[in-house]
C-alpha atoms as a PDB file:
ATOM      1  CA  MET A   1      -5.998  -7.612  15.817  1.00  0.00           C
ATOM      2  CA  ALA A   2      -2.528  -7.065  14.793  1.00  0.00           C
ATOM      3  CA  GLU A   3      -1.566 -10.565  14.365  1.00  0.00           C
ATOM      4  CA  PHE A   4      -3.904 -10.460  11.482  1.00  0.00           C
ATOM      5  CA  LEU A   5      -1.689  -7.329   9.385  1.00  0.00           C
ATOM      6  CA  GLY A   6       1.101  -9.804   9.274  1.00  0.00           C
ATOM      7  CA  ASP A   7      -1.180 -12.615   7.654  1.00  0.00           C
ATOM      8  CA  ILE A   8      -2.612 -10.288   5.548  1.00  0.00           C
ATOM      9  CA  ALA A   9       0.711  -8.405   4.309  1.00  0.00           C
ATOM     10  CA  PHE A  10       2.002 -12.439   4.028  1.00  0.00           C
ATOM     11  CA  MET A  11      -0.469 -13.205   1.822  1.00  0.00           C
ATOM     12  CA  ILE A  12      -0.736  -9.792  -0.934  1.00  0.00           C
ATOM     13  CA  GLU A  13       3.514 -10.696  -0.737  1.00  0.00           C
ATOM     14  CA  ILE A  14       2.735 -14.299  -1.840  1.00  0.00           C
ATOM     15  CA  LEU A  15       0.224 -13.196  -4.414  1.00  0.00           C
ATOM     16  CA  VAL A  16       2.636 -10.967  -5.801  1.00  0.00           C
ATOM     17  CA  LEU A  17       5.289 -13.413  -6.198  1.00  0.00           C
ATOM     18  CA  GLY A  18       3.046 -15.770  -7.864  1.00  0.00           C
ATOM     19  CA  LEU A  19       2.491 -13.056 -10.378  1.00  0.00           C
ATOM     20  CA  GLY A  20       5.980 -12.313 -11.166  1.00  0.00           C
ATOM     21  CA  LEU A  21       6.534 -16.172 -11.801  1.00  0.00           C
ATOM     22  CA  VAL A  22       3.747 -15.840 -14.225  1.00  0.00           C
ATOM     23  CA  VAL A  23       4.730 -12.431 -15.519  1.00  0.00           C
ATOM     24  CA  ILE A  24       8.264 -14.160 -16.158  1.00  0.00           C
ATOM     25  CA  HIS A  25       6.686 -17.393 -17.899  1.00  0.00           C
ATOM     26  CA  TYR A  26       4.780 -15.143 -20.573  1.00  0.00           C
ATOM     27  CA  GLY A  27       8.103 -13.020 -20.508  1.00  0.00           C
ATOM     28  CA  LYS A  28      10.281 -15.890 -22.137  1.00  0.00           C
ATOM     29  CA  LYS A  29       7.255 -17.396 -24.110  1.00  0.00           C
ATOM     30  CA  GLU A  30       7.010 -13.851 -25.674  1.00  0.00           C
ATOM     31  CA  LYS A  31      10.486 -13.057 -25.613  1.00  0.00           C
ATOM     32  CA  SER A  32      10.509  -9.697 -24.242  1.00  0.00           C
ATOM     33  CA  LYS A  33      13.050  -8.638 -22.454  1.00  0.00           C
ATOM     34  CA  LEU A  34      10.725  -5.923 -20.476  1.00  0.00           C
ATOM     35  CA  LEU A  35       8.193  -8.618 -19.082  1.00  0.00           C
ATOM     36  CA  LYS A  36      11.437 -10.993 -18.202  1.00  0.00           C
ATOM     37  CA  THR A  37      13.164  -7.996 -15.922  1.00  0.00           C
ATOM     38  CA  SER A  38       9.544  -7.246 -14.699  1.00  0.00           C
ATOM     39  CA  GLY A  39       8.966 -10.601 -13.266  1.00  0.00           C
ATOM     40  CA  TYR A  40      12.257 -10.927 -11.717  1.00  0.00           C
ATOM     41  CA  LEU A  41      12.070  -7.546 -10.166  1.00  0.00           C
ATOM     42  CA  MET A  42       8.356  -8.668  -8.647  1.00  0.00           C
ATOM     43  CA  SER A  43      10.080 -11.825  -7.553  1.00  0.00           C
ATOM     44  CA  ILE A  44      12.791 -10.639  -5.970  1.00  0.00           C
ATOM     45  CA  PHE A  45      11.043  -7.872  -4.111  1.00  0.00           C
ATOM     46  CA  SER A  46       8.426  -9.831  -2.914  1.00  0.00           C
ATOM     47  CA  ILE A  47      10.772 -12.377  -1.507  1.00  0.00           C
ATOM     48  CA  LEU A  48      12.186  -9.866   0.487  1.00  0.00           C
ATOM     49  CA  ALA A  49       9.634  -8.254   1.178  1.00  0.00           C
ATOM     50  CA  LEU A  50       8.370 -11.952   2.902  1.00  0.00           C
ATOM     51  CA  ILE A  51      11.448 -12.600   4.763  1.00  0.00           C
ATOM     52  CA  CYS A  52      10.868  -9.307   6.283  1.00  0.00           C
ATOM     53  CA  THR A  53       7.624  -9.446   7.394  1.00  0.00           C
ATOM     54  CA  THR A  54       8.331 -12.824   8.912  1.00  0.00           C
ATOM     55  CA  PHE A  55      11.005 -11.697  10.812  1.00  0.00           C
ATOM     56  CA  PHE A  56       9.175  -8.520  12.600  1.00  0.00           C
ATOM     57  CA  TYR A  57       5.931 -11.128  12.297  1.00  0.00           C
ATOM     58  CA  PHE A  58       8.066 -13.137  14.904  1.00  0.00           C
ATOM     59  CA  LYS A  59       9.972 -10.257  16.299  1.00  0.00           C
ATOM     60  CA  TYR A  60       6.130  -9.262  17.688  1.00  0.00           C
ATOM     61  CA  TYR A  61       5.308 -12.991  18.337  1.00  0.00           C
ATOM     62  CA  PHE A  62       8.207 -13.344  20.962  1.00  0.00           C
ATOM     63  CA  ASN A  63       7.521  -9.932  21.952  1.00  0.00           C
ATOM     64  CA  GLY A  64       4.192 -10.744  23.413  1.00  0.00           C
ATOM     65  CA  ASP A  65       2.477  -8.745  21.014  1.00  0.00           C
ATOM     66  CA  PHE A  66       0.070 -10.518  19.712  1.00  0.00           C
ATOM     67  CA  ASP A  67      -1.451 -11.766  23.269  1.00  0.00           C
ATOM     68  CA  SER A  68      -4.068  -9.661  23.338  1.00  0.00           C
ATOM     69  CA  ALA A  69      -6.645  -8.277  20.488  1.00  0.00           C
ATOM     70  CA  TYR A  70      -5.562  -5.074  20.670  1.00  0.00           C
ATOM     71  CA  PRO A  71      -1.620  -3.586  20.415  1.00  0.00           C
ATOM     72  CA  LYS A  72       0.069  -2.201  23.802  1.00  0.00           C
ATOM     73  CA  SER A  73       0.409   0.704  24.483  1.00  0.00           C
ATOM     74  CA  THR A  74       3.798   2.607  24.921  1.00  0.00           C
ATOM     75  CA  PHE A  75       1.831   5.783  26.330  1.00  0.00           C
ATOM     76  CA  SER A  76       0.466   6.415  29.716  1.00  0.00           C
ATOM     77  CA  THR A  77      -2.537   8.179  30.370  1.00  0.00           C
ATOM     78  CA  ASP A  78      -1.743   8.061  34.264  1.00  0.00           C
ATOM     79  CA  ASN A  79      -0.468  11.876  35.102  1.00  0.00           C
ATOM     80  CA  ARG A  80       0.893  10.863  38.686  1.00  0.00           C
END
């Protein structure tokens, strides 16, 4: 299940990147500095988020956290 959270985050970031590019396009078409600036900010922050998500996705993958459907527990329930 934890693996799908990374997939969902990645797809939302791709969506925001696409929307940022659309906003840049309309900002240039309408000659609006505010629209272009917001489009560039959306694009830049979504690219940074994509890099972060990709890094941690592979970090958790190589750590073995995706081997089972449920995340590993770091707490011990055994009180011995």
